[in-house]
Amino acid sequence: MPRTLSYGIAAMLIAGSAWAQVSLTPRTIRLDTVTCQELLSLPGERRDQFLIYLNGYFDAGRAVLTWDERQAAERIDRVIAECKSKPETSVFRAFADVWSR
């Protein structure tokens, strides 16, 4: 019985993993065209990936070689707040504004 249960759990995990890989279609996105409204409508994990990518993009543009998790989180929180107050704004513009402060 325990062996059968283990096989069943393994099969569900493998199937779930395969489904997740199929459901995420890689996209090519022009960073300057994504609006805050589009960002806020993304599913949680996809939104987080996009925010983390932009955080790295702006840090790299300033030649930042140290990742400060607290500072990154605070900046991302400010971007999200700005996006919620101005959904028509470009996410790229929101990041640029936050990083300039």
PDB file of N, CA and C in Angstrom:
ATOM      1  N   MET A   1       0.811  -1.198   0.000  1.00  0.00           N
ATOM      2  CA  MET A   1       0.000   0.000   0.000  1.00  0.00           C
ATOM      3  C   MET A   1       0.861   1.271   0.000  1.00  0.00           C
ATOM      4  N   PRO A   2       1.875   1.408   0.890  1.00  0.00           N
ATOM      5  CA  PRO A   2       2.685   2.618   0.883  1.00  0.00           C
ATOM      6  C   PRO A   2       3.395   2.828  -0.466  1.00  0.00           C
ATOM      7  N   ARG A   3       3.839   1.726  -1.082  1.00  0.00           N
ATOM      8  CA  ARG A   3       4.532   1.845  -2.363  1.00  0.00           C
ATOM      9  C   ARG A   3       3.565   2.388  -3.430  1.00  0.00           C
ATOM     10  N   THR A   4       2.339   1.897  -3.439  1.00  0.00           N
ATOM     11  CA  THR A   4       1.335   2.357  -4.397  1.00  0.00           C
ATOM     12  C   THR A   4       1.048   3.842  -4.189  1.00  0.00           C
ATOM     13  N   LEU A   5       0.936   4.251  -2.932  1.00  0.00           N
ATOM     14  CA  LEU A   5       0.703   5.653  -2.624  1.00  0.00           C
ATOM     15  C   LEU A   5       1.870   6.511  -3.109  1.00  0.00           C
ATOM     16  N   SER A   6       3.095   6.058  -2.897  1.00  0.00           N
ATOM     17  CA  SER A   6       4.279   6.792  -3.348  1.00  0.00           C
ATOM     18  C   SER A   6       4.283   6.951  -4.857  1.00  0.00           C
ATOM     19  N   TYR A   7       3.938   5.867  -5.567  1.00  0.00           N
ATOM     20  CA  TYR A   7       3.893   5.936  -7.024  1.00  0.00           C
ATOM     21  C   TYR A   7       2.817   6.913  -7.488  1.00  0.00           C
ATOM     22  N   GLY A   8       1.692   6.905  -6.801  1.00  0.00           N
ATOM     23  CA  GLY A   8       0.603   7.818  -7.158  1.00  0.00           C
ATOM     24  C   GLY A   8       0.999   9.269  -6.973  1.00  0.00           C
ATOM     25  N   ILE A   9       1.653   9.568  -5.859  1.00  0.00           N
ATOM     26  CA  ILE A   9       2.107  10.938  -5.593  1.00  0.00           C
ATOM     27  C   ILE A   9       3.146  11.355  -6.617  1.00  0.00           C
ATOM     28  N   ALA A  10       4.090  10.462  -6.921  1.00  0.00           N
ATOM     29  CA  ALA A  10       5.117  10.772  -7.921  1.00  0.00           C
ATOM     30  C   ALA A  10       4.487  11.058  -9.278  1.00  0.00           C
ATOM     31  N   ALA A  11       3.493  10.260  -9.657  1.00  0.00           N
ATOM     32  CA  ALA A  11       2.825  10.463 -10.948  1.00  0.00           C
ATOM     33  C   ALA A  11       2.122  11.814 -10.989  1.00  0.00           C
ATOM     34  N   MET A  12       1.468  12.207  -9.880  1.00  0.00           N
ATOM     35  CA  MET A  12       0.789  13.499  -9.843  1.00  0.00           C
ATOM     36  C   MET A  12       1.792  14.646  -9.938  1.00  0.00           C
ATOM     37  N   LEU A  13       2.921  14.528  -9.248  1.00  0.00           N
ATOM     38  CA  LEU A  13       3.931  15.583  -9.299  1.00  0.00           C
ATOM     39  C   LEU A  13       4.514  15.731 -10.691  1.00  0.00           C
ATOM     40  N   ILE A  14       4.797  14.615 -11.342  1.00  0.00           N
ATOM     41  CA  ILE A  14       5.342  14.660 -12.696  1.00  0.00           C
ATOM     42  C   ILE A  14       4.321  15.252 -13.655  1.00  0.00           C
ATOM     43  N   ALA A  15       3.081  14.823 -13.559  1.00  0.00           N
ATOM     44  CA  ALA A  15       2.028  15.344 -14.432  1.00  0.00           C
ATOM     45  C   ALA A  15       1.819  16.833 -14.187  1.00  0.00           C
ATOM     46  N   GLY A  16       1.811  17.240 -12.932  1.00  0.00           N
ATOM     47  CA  GLY A  16       1.646  18.653 -12.601  1.00  0.00           C
ATOM     48  C   GLY A  16       2.786  19.485 -13.133  1.00  0.00           C
ATOM     49  N   SER A  17       4.000  18.969 -13.017  1.00  0.00           N
ATOM     50  CA  SER A  17       5.171  19.672 -13.529  1.00  0.00           C
ATOM     51  C   SER A  17       5.101  19.810 -15.038  1.00  0.00           C
ATOM     52  N   ALA A  18       4.717  18.753 -15.729  1.00  0.00           N
ATOM     53  CA  ALA A  18       4.604  18.794 -17.186  1.00  0.00           C
ATOM     54  C   ALA A  18       3.529  19.786 -17.605  1.00  0.00           C
ATOM     55  N   TRP A  19       2.397  19.826 -16.891  1.00  0.00           N
ATOM     56  CA  TRP A  19       1.330  20.751 -17.226  1.00  0.00           C
ATOM     57  C   TRP A  19       1.795  22.190 -17.046  1.00  0.00           C
ATOM     58  N   ALA A  20       2.527  22.450 -15.969  1.00  0.00           N
ATOM     59  CA  ALA A  20       3.006  23.808 -15.716  1.00  0.00           C
ATOM     60  C   ALA A  20       3.954  24.259 -16.818  1.00  0.00           C
ATOM     61  N   GLN A  21       4.786  23.356 -17.313  1.00  0.00           N
ATOM     62  CA  GLN A  21       5.710  23.711 -18.380  1.00  0.00           C
ATOM     63  C   GLN A  21       4.949  24.019 -19.667  1.00  0.00           C
ATOM     64  N   VAL A  22       3.912  23.298 -19.928  1.00  0.00           N
ATOM     65  CA  VAL A  22       3.135  23.498 -21.147  1.00  0.00           C
ATOM     66  C   VAL A  22       2.339  24.795 -21.075  1.00  0.00           C
ATOM     67  N   SER A  23       1.838  25.147 -19.897  1.00  0.00           N
ATOM     68  CA  SER A  23       0.957  26.300 -19.771  1.00  0.00           C
ATOM     69  C   SER A  23       1.693  27.638 -19.824  1.00  0.00           C
ATOM     70  N   LEU A  24       3.000  27.653 -19.607  1.00  0.00           N
ATOM     71  CA  LEU A  24       3.755  28.897 -19.653  1.00  0.00           C
ATOM     72  C   LEU A  24       4.421  29.033 -21.015  1.00  0.00           C
ATOM     73  N   THR A  25       3.835  29.832 -21.858  1.00  0.00           N
ATOM     74  CA  THR A  25       4.375  30.049 -23.185  1.00  0.00           C
ATOM     75  C   THR A  25       5.365  31.205 -23.121  1.00  0.00           C
ATOM     76  N   PRO A  26       6.604  30.976 -23.492  1.00  0.00           N
ATOM     77  CA  PRO A  26       7.585  32.067 -23.483  1.00  0.00           C
ATOM     78  C   PRO A  26       7.154  33.177 -24.440  1.00  0.00           C
ATOM     79  N   ARG A  27       7.358  34.387 -24.012  1.00  0.00           N
ATOM     80  CA  ARG A  27       6.972  35.536 -24.836  1.00  0.00           C
ATOM     81  C   ARG A  27       8.164  36.457 -24.997  1.00  0.00           C
ATOM     82  N   THR A  28       8.116  37.272 -26.021  1.00  0.00           N
ATOM     83  CA  THR A  28       9.070  38.352 -26.208  1.00  0.00           C
ATOM     84  C   THR A  28       8.293  39.636 -25.982  1.00  0.00           C
ATOM     85  N   ILE A  29       8.776  40.451 -25.063  1.00  0.00           N
ATOM     86  CA  ILE A  29       8.025  41.635 -24.651  1.00  0.00           C
ATOM     87  C   ILE A  29       8.904  42.871 -24.783  1.00  0.00           C
ATOM     88  N   ARG A  30       8.380  43.893 -25.438  1.00  0.00           N
ATOM     89  CA  ARG A  30       9.068  45.203 -25.455  1.00  0.00           C
ATOM     90  C   ARG A  30       8.784  45.864 -24.112  1.00  0.00           C
ATOM     91  N   LEU A  31       9.821  46.098 -23.355  1.00  0.00           N
ATOM     92  CA  LEU A  31       9.656  46.595 -21.988  1.00  0.00           C
ATOM     93  C   LEU A  31       8.949  47.939 -21.916  1.00  0.00           C
ATOM     94  N   ASP A  32       9.154  48.785 -22.916  1.00  0.00           N
ATOM     95  CA  ASP A  32       8.581  50.129 -22.867  1.00  0.00           C
ATOM     96  C   ASP A  32       7.111  50.184 -23.292  1.00  0.00           C
ATOM     97  N   THR A  33       6.519  49.049 -23.653  1.00  0.00           N
ATOM     98  CA  THR A  33       5.118  49.064 -24.094  1.00  0.00           C
ATOM     99  C   THR A  33       4.157  48.481 -23.064  1.00  0.00           C
ATOM    100  N   VAL A  34       4.659  47.854 -22.026  1.00  0.00           N
ATOM    101  CA  VAL A  34       3.797  47.226 -21.021  1.00  0.00           C
ATOM    102  C   VAL A  34       3.276  48.292 -20.063  1.00  0.00           C
ATOM    103  N   THR A  35       1.962  48.355 -19.931  1.00  0.00           N
ATOM    104  CA  THR A  35       1.363  49.336 -19.015  1.00  0.00           C
ATOM    105  C   THR A  35       1.247  48.737 -17.614  1.00  0.00           C
ATOM    106  N   CYS A  36       1.071  49.610 -16.669  1.00  0.00           N
ATOM    107  CA  CYS A  36       0.866  49.163 -15.290  1.00  0.00           C
ATOM    108  C   CYS A  36      -0.377  48.290 -15.184  1.00  0.00           C
ATOM    109  N   GLN A  37      -1.409  48.639 -15.923  1.00  0.00           N
ATOM    110  CA  GLN A  37      -2.634  47.847 -15.896  1.00  0.00           C
ATOM    111  C   GLN A  37      -2.351  46.423 -16.375  1.00  0.00           C
ATOM    112  N   GLU A  38      -1.541  46.277 -17.423  1.00  0.00           N
ATOM    113  CA  GLU A  38      -1.186  44.940 -17.914  1.00  0.00           C
ATOM    114  C   GLU A  38      -0.364  44.183 -16.872  1.00  0.00           C
ATOM    115  N   LEU A  39       0.573  44.884 -16.236  1.00  0.00           N
ATOM    116  CA  LEU A  39       1.388  44.253 -15.197  1.00  0.00           C
ATOM    117  C   LEU A  39       0.508  43.731 -14.069  1.00  0.00           C
ATOM    118  N   LEU A  40      -0.410  44.562 -13.607  1.00  0.00           N
ATOM    119  CA  LEU A  40      -1.256  44.190 -12.481  1.00  0.00           C
ATOM    120  C   LEU A  40      -2.221  43.056 -12.825  1.00  0.00           C
ATOM    121  N   SER A  41      -2.492  42.852 -14.107  1.00  0.00           N
ATOM    122  CA  SER A  41      -3.401  41.784 -14.505  1.00  0.00           C
ATOM    123  C   SER A  41      -2.688  40.445 -14.730  1.00  0.00           C
ATOM    124  N   LEU A  42      -1.354  40.439 -14.686  1.00  0.00           N
ATOM    125  CA  LEU A  42      -0.607  39.196 -14.870  1.00  0.00           C
ATOM    126  C   LEU A  42      -0.825  38.264 -13.682  1.00  0.00           C
ATOM    127  N   PRO A  43      -0.798  36.948 -13.922  1.00  0.00           N
ATOM    128  CA  PRO A  43      -0.851  35.996 -12.799  1.00  0.00           C
ATOM    129  C   PRO A  43       0.343  36.232 -11.874  1.00  0.00           C
ATOM    130  N   GLY A  44       0.200  35.899 -10.609  1.00  0.00           N
ATOM    131  CA  GLY A  44       1.205  36.180  -9.583  1.00  0.00           C
ATOM    132  C   GLY A  44       2.641  35.839  -9.944  1.00  0.00           C
ATOM    133  N   GLU A  45       2.887  34.609 -10.361  1.00  0.00           N
ATOM    134  CA  GLU A  45       4.262  34.204 -10.650  1.00  0.00           C
ATOM    135  C   GLU A  45       4.815  34.938 -11.867  1.00  0.00           C
ATOM    136  N   ARG A  46       4.009  35.113 -12.882  1.00  0.00           N
ATOM    137  CA  ARG A  46       4.452  35.822 -14.095  1.00  0.00           C
ATOM    138  C   ARG A  46       4.760  37.280 -13.745  1.00  0.00           C
ATOM    139  N   ARG A  47       3.900  37.909 -12.924  1.00  0.00           N
ATOM    140  CA  ARG A  47       4.115  39.291 -12.496  1.00  0.00           C
ATOM    141  C   ARG A  47       5.416  39.396 -11.702  1.00  0.00           C
ATOM    142  N   ASP A  48       5.642  38.465 -10.778  1.00  0.00           N
ATOM    143  CA  ASP A  48       6.860  38.484  -9.974  1.00  0.00           C
ATOM    144  C   ASP A  48       8.100  38.356 -10.845  1.00  0.00           C
ATOM    145  N   GLN A  49       8.054  37.464 -11.829  1.00  0.00           N
ATOM    146  CA  GLN A  49       9.194  37.278 -12.730  1.00  0.00           C
ATOM    147  C   GLN A  49       9.494  38.573 -13.478  1.00  0.00           C
ATOM    148  N   PHE A  50       8.454  39.225 -13.967  1.00  0.00           N
ATOM    149  CA  PHE A  50       8.633  40.470 -14.712  1.00  0.00           C
ATOM    150  C   PHE A  50       9.223  41.560 -13.817  1.00  0.00           C
ATOM    151  N   LEU A  51       8.720  41.678 -12.596  1.00  0.00           N
ATOM    152  CA  LEU A  51       9.227  42.682 -11.658  1.00  0.00           C
ATOM    153  C   LEU A  51      10.684  42.415 -11.284  1.00  0.00           C
ATOM    154  N   ILE A  52      11.022  41.154 -11.065  1.00  0.00           N
ATOM    155  CA  ILE A  52      12.405  40.805 -10.729  1.00  0.00           C
ATOM    156  C   ILE A  52      13.327  41.110 -11.896  1.00  0.00           C
ATOM    157  N   TYR A  53      12.857  40.794 -13.110  1.00  0.00           N
ATOM    158  CA  TYR A  53      13.667  41.090 -14.303  1.00  0.00           C
ATOM    159  C   TYR A  53      13.921  42.592 -14.411  1.00  0.00           C
ATOM    160  N   LEU A  54      12.864  43.397 -14.273  1.00  0.00           N
ATOM    161  CA  LEU A  54      13.048  44.848 -14.388  1.00  0.00           C
ATOM    162  C   LEU A  54      13.924  45.400 -13.273  1.00  0.00           C
ATOM    163  N   ASN A  55      13.810  44.837 -12.084  1.00  0.00           N
ATOM    164  CA  ASN A  55      14.683  45.247 -10.995  1.00  0.00           C
ATOM    165  C   ASN A  55      16.150  45.034 -11.396  1.00  0.00           C
ATOM    166  N   GLY A  56      16.447  43.867 -11.925  1.00  0.00           N
ATOM    167  CA  GLY A  56      17.810  43.574 -12.377  1.00  0.00           C
ATOM    168  C   GLY A  56      18.240  44.466 -13.526  1.00  0.00           C
ATOM    169  N   TYR A  57      17.313  44.744 -14.427  1.00  0.00           N
ATOM    170  CA  TYR A  57      17.607  45.606 -15.576  1.00  0.00           C
ATOM    171  C   TYR A  57      18.047  46.991 -15.100  1.00  0.00           C
ATOM    172  N   PHE A  58      17.285  47.566 -14.178  1.00  0.00           N
ATOM    173  CA  PHE A  58      17.619  48.907 -13.701  1.00  0.00           C
ATOM    174  C   PHE A  58      18.864  48.909 -12.824  1.00  0.00           C
ATOM    175  N   ASP A  59      19.065  47.867 -12.020  1.00  0.00           N
ATOM    176  CA  ASP A  59      20.303  47.768 -11.239  1.00  0.00           C
ATOM    177  C   ASP A  59      21.511  47.664 -12.164  1.00  0.00           C
ATOM    178  N   ALA A  60      21.414  46.857 -13.205  1.00  0.00           N
ATOM    179  CA  ALA A  60      22.535  46.681 -14.144  1.00  0.00           C
ATOM    180  C   ALA A  60      22.838  47.981 -14.875  1.00  0.00           C
ATOM    181  N   GLY A  61      21.805  48.725 -15.195  1.00  0.00           N
ATOM    182  CA  GLY A  61      21.999  50.003 -15.879  1.00  0.00           C
ATOM    183  C   GLY A  61      22.757  51.006 -15.032  1.00  0.00           C
ATOM    184  N   ARG A  62      22.749  50.800 -13.747  1.00  0.00           N
ATOM    185  CA  ARG A  62      23.477  51.674 -12.827  1.00  0.00           C
ATOM    186  C   ARG A  62      24.746  51.007 -12.298  1.00  0.00           C
ATOM    187  N   ALA A  63      25.112  49.896 -12.922  1.00  0.00           N
ATOM    188  CA  ALA A  63      26.321  49.145 -12.570  1.00  0.00           C
ATOM    189  C   ALA A  63      26.337  48.713 -11.104  1.00  0.00           C
ATOM    190  N   VAL A  64      25.162  48.385 -10.567  1.00  0.00           N
ATOM    191  CA  VAL A  64      25.056  47.910  -9.193  1.00  0.00           C
ATOM    192  C   VAL A  64      25.529  46.460  -9.150  1.00  0.00           C
ATOM    193  N   LEU A  65      26.497  46.165  -8.301  1.00  0.00           N
ATOM    194  CA  LEU A  65      27.053  44.819  -8.212  1.00  0.00           C
ATOM    195  C   LEU A  65      26.644  44.089  -6.937  1.00  0.00           C
ATOM    196  N   THR A  66      25.824  44.730  -6.126  1.00  0.00           N
ATOM    197  CA  THR A  66      25.347  44.124  -4.885  1.00  0.00           C
ATOM    198  C   THR A  66      23.830  44.132  -4.896  1.00  0.00           C
ATOM    199  N   TRP A  67      23.241  42.962  -4.592  1.00  0.00           N
ATOM    200  CA  TRP A  67      21.781  42.894  -4.511  1.00  0.00           C
ATOM    201  C   TRP A  67      21.372  43.083  -3.070  1.00  0.00           C
ATOM    202  N   ASP A  68      20.640  44.148  -2.822  1.00  0.00           N
ATOM    203  CA  ASP A  68      20.092  44.440  -1.499  1.00  0.00           C
ATOM    204  C   ASP A  68      18.620  44.057  -1.543  1.00  0.00           C
ATOM    205  N   GLU A  69      18.303  42.906  -0.976  1.00  0.00           N
ATOM    206  CA  GLU A  69      16.943  42.369  -1.064  1.00  0.00           C
ATOM    207  C   GLU A  69      15.909  43.333  -0.489  1.00  0.00           C
ATOM    208  N   ARG A  70      16.214  43.960   0.610  1.00  0.00           N
ATOM    209  CA  ARG A  70      15.273  44.889   1.241  1.00  0.00           C
ATOM    210  C   ARG A  70      15.037  46.102   0.348  1.00  0.00           C
ATOM    211  N   GLN A  71      16.101  46.651  -0.207  1.00  0.00           N
ATOM    212  CA  GLN A  71      15.967  47.814  -1.080  1.00  0.00           C
ATOM    213  C   GLN A  71      15.187  47.455  -2.353  1.00  0.00           C
ATOM    214  N   ALA A  72      15.471  46.302  -2.930  1.00  0.00           N
ATOM    215  CA  ALA A  72      14.749  45.858  -4.129  1.00  0.00           C
ATOM    216  C   ALA A  72      13.259  45.709  -3.817  1.00  0.00           C
ATOM    217  N   ALA A  73      12.945  45.107  -2.696  1.00  0.00           N
ATOM    218  CA  ALA A  73      11.539  44.915  -2.311  1.00  0.00           C
ATOM    219  C   ALA A  73      10.840  46.262  -2.104  1.00  0.00           C
ATOM    220  N   GLU A  74      11.525  47.200  -1.470  1.00  0.00           N
ATOM    221  CA  GLU A  74      10.933  48.522  -1.246  1.00  0.00           C
ATOM    222  C   GLU A  74      10.674  49.232  -2.571  1.00  0.00           C
ATOM    223  N   ARG A  75      11.627  49.143  -3.495  1.00  0.00           N
ATOM    224  CA  ARG A  75      11.444  49.781  -4.802  1.00  0.00           C
ATOM    225  C   ARG A  75      10.289  49.131  -5.566  1.00  0.00           C
ATOM    226  N   ILE A  76      10.244  47.819  -5.550  1.00  0.00           N
ATOM    227  CA  ILE A  76       9.159  47.120  -6.241  1.00  0.00           C
ATOM    228  C   ILE A  76       7.815  47.485  -5.622  1.00  0.00           C
ATOM    229  N   ASP A  77       7.759  47.589  -4.304  1.00  0.00           N
ATOM    230  CA  ASP A  77       6.519  48.007  -3.640  1.00  0.00           C
ATOM    231  C   ASP A  77       6.101  49.405  -4.088  1.00  0.00           C
ATOM    232  N   ARG A  78       7.082  50.314  -4.245  1.00  0.00           N
ATOM    233  CA  ARG A  78       6.767  51.673  -4.713  1.00  0.00           C
ATOM    234  C   ARG A  78       6.278  51.653  -6.156  1.00  0.00           C
ATOM    235  N   VAL A  79       6.880  50.793  -6.986  1.00  0.00           N
ATOM    236  CA  VAL A  79       6.421  50.662  -8.372  1.00  0.00           C
ATOM    237  C   VAL A  79       4.979  50.167  -8.394  1.00  0.00           C
ATOM    238  N   ILE A  80       4.675  49.152  -7.609  1.00  0.00           N
ATOM    239  CA  ILE A  80       3.314  48.609  -7.555  1.00  0.00           C
ATOM    240  C   ILE A  80       2.332  49.689  -7.102  1.00  0.00           C
ATOM    241  N   ALA A  81       2.702  50.470  -6.086  1.00  0.00           N
ATOM    242  CA  ALA A  81       1.827  51.546  -5.600  1.00  0.00           C
ATOM    243  C   ALA A  81       1.601  52.580  -6.701  1.00  0.00           C
ATOM    244  N   GLU A  82       2.662  52.932  -7.414  1.00  0.00           N
ATOM    245  CA  GLU A  82       2.531  53.896  -8.511  1.00  0.00           C
ATOM    246  C   GLU A  82       1.651  53.331  -9.620  1.00  0.00           C
ATOM    247  N   CYS A  83       1.823  52.054  -9.912  1.00  0.00           N
ATOM    248  CA  CYS A  83       1.021  51.411 -10.948  1.00  0.00           C
ATOM    249  C   CYS A  83      -0.460  51.381 -10.564  1.00  0.00           C
ATOM    250  N   LYS A  84      -0.735  51.137  -9.309  1.00  0.00           N
ATOM    251  CA  LYS A  84      -2.134  51.107  -8.866  1.00  0.00           C
ATOM    252  C   LYS A  84      -2.768  52.496  -8.962  1.00  0.00           C
ATOM    253  N   SER A  85      -1.982  53.541  -8.728  1.00  0.00           N
ATOM    254  CA  SER A  85      -2.544  54.899  -8.787  1.00  0.00           C
ATOM    255  C   SER A  85      -2.601  55.438 -10.211  1.00  0.00           C
ATOM    256  N   LYS A  86      -1.761  54.895 -11.117  1.00  0.00           N
ATOM    257  CA  LYS A  86      -1.742  55.362 -12.516  1.00  0.00           C
ATOM    258  C   LYS A  86      -1.633  54.159 -13.451  1.00  0.00           C
ATOM    259  N   PRO A  87      -2.712  53.399 -13.620  1.00  0.00           N
ATOM    260  CA  PRO A  87      -2.655  52.165 -14.408  1.00  0.00           C
ATOM    261  C   PRO A  87      -2.286  52.359 -15.878  1.00  0.00           C
ATOM    262  N   GLU A  88      -2.472  53.554 -16.414  1.00  0.00           N
ATOM    263  CA  GLU A  88      -2.148  53.792 -17.820  1.00  0.00           C
ATOM    264  C   GLU A  88      -0.655  54.036 -18.051  1.00  0.00           C
ATOM    265  N   THR A  89       0.101  54.224 -16.978  1.00  0.00           N
ATOM    266  CA  THR A  89       1.537  54.478 -17.062  1.00  0.00           C
ATOM    267  C   THR A  89       2.288  53.253 -17.549  1.00  0.00           C
ATOM    268  N   SER A  90       3.361  53.481 -18.273  1.00  0.00           N
ATOM    269  CA  SER A  90       4.245  52.386 -18.681  1.00  0.00           C
ATOM    270  C   SER A  90       4.984  51.876 -17.438  1.00  0.00           C
ATOM    271  N   VAL A  91       5.090  50.563 -17.312  1.00  0.00           N
ATOM    272  CA  VAL A  91       5.818  49.972 -16.178  1.00  0.00           C
ATOM    273  C   VAL A  91       7.270  50.439 -16.214  1.00  0.00           C
ATOM    274  N   PHE A  92       7.826  50.525 -17.395  1.00  0.00           N
ATOM    275  CA  PHE A  92       9.205  50.982 -17.563  1.00  0.00           C
ATOM    276  C   PHE A  92       9.362  52.393 -16.984  1.00  0.00           C
ATOM    277  N   ARG A  93       8.400  53.272 -17.267  1.00  0.00           N
ATOM    278  CA  ARG A  93       8.428  54.640 -16.740  1.00  0.00           C
ATOM    279  C   ARG A  93       8.303  54.624 -15.220  1.00  0.00           C
ATOM    280  N   ALA A  94       7.427  53.775 -14.684  1.00  0.00           N
ATOM    281  CA  ALA A  94       7.251  53.682 -13.231  1.00  0.00           C
ATOM    282  C   ALA A  94       8.569  53.257 -12.572  1.00  0.00           C
ATOM    283  N   PHE A  95       9.250  52.259 -13.147  1.00  0.00           N
ATOM    284  CA  PHE A  95      10.538  51.828 -12.613  1.00  0.00           C
ATOM    285  C   PHE A  95      11.561  52.958 -12.700  1.00  0.00           C
ATOM    286  N   ALA A  96      11.622  53.623 -13.846  1.00  0.00           N
ATOM    287  CA  ALA A  96      12.588  54.724 -14.013  1.00  0.00           C
ATOM    288  C   ALA A  96      12.351  55.808 -12.971  1.00  0.00           C
ATOM    289  N   ASP A  97      11.089  56.143 -12.734  1.00  0.00           N
ATOM    290  CA  ASP A  97      10.773  57.168 -11.739  1.00  0.00           C
ATOM    291  C   ASP A  97      11.201  56.740 -10.335  1.00  0.00           C
ATOM    292  N   VAL A  98      10.905  55.505  -9.978  1.00  0.00           N
ATOM    293  CA  VAL A  98      11.248  55.002  -8.642  1.00  0.00           C
ATOM    294  C   VAL A  98      12.759  54.912  -8.474  1.00  0.00           C
ATOM    295  N   TRP A  99      13.477  54.436  -9.490  1.00  0.00           N
ATOM    296  CA  TRP A  99      14.924  54.271  -9.379  1.00  0.00           C
ATOM    297  C   TRP A  99      15.641  55.603  -9.356  1.00  0.00           C
ATOM    298  N   SER A 100      15.004  56.670  -9.857  1.00  0.00           N
ATOM    299  CA  SER A 100      15.666  57.982  -9.860  1.00  0.00           C
ATOM    300  C   SER A 100      15.583  58.666  -8.503  1.00  0.00           C
ATOM    301  N   ARG A 101      14.758  58.131  -7.602  1.00  0.00           N
ATOM    302  CA  ARG A 101      14.615  58.755  -6.271  1.00  0.00           C
ATOM    303  C   ARG A 101      15.679  58.264  -5.323  1.00  0.00           C
TER     304      ARG A 101
END
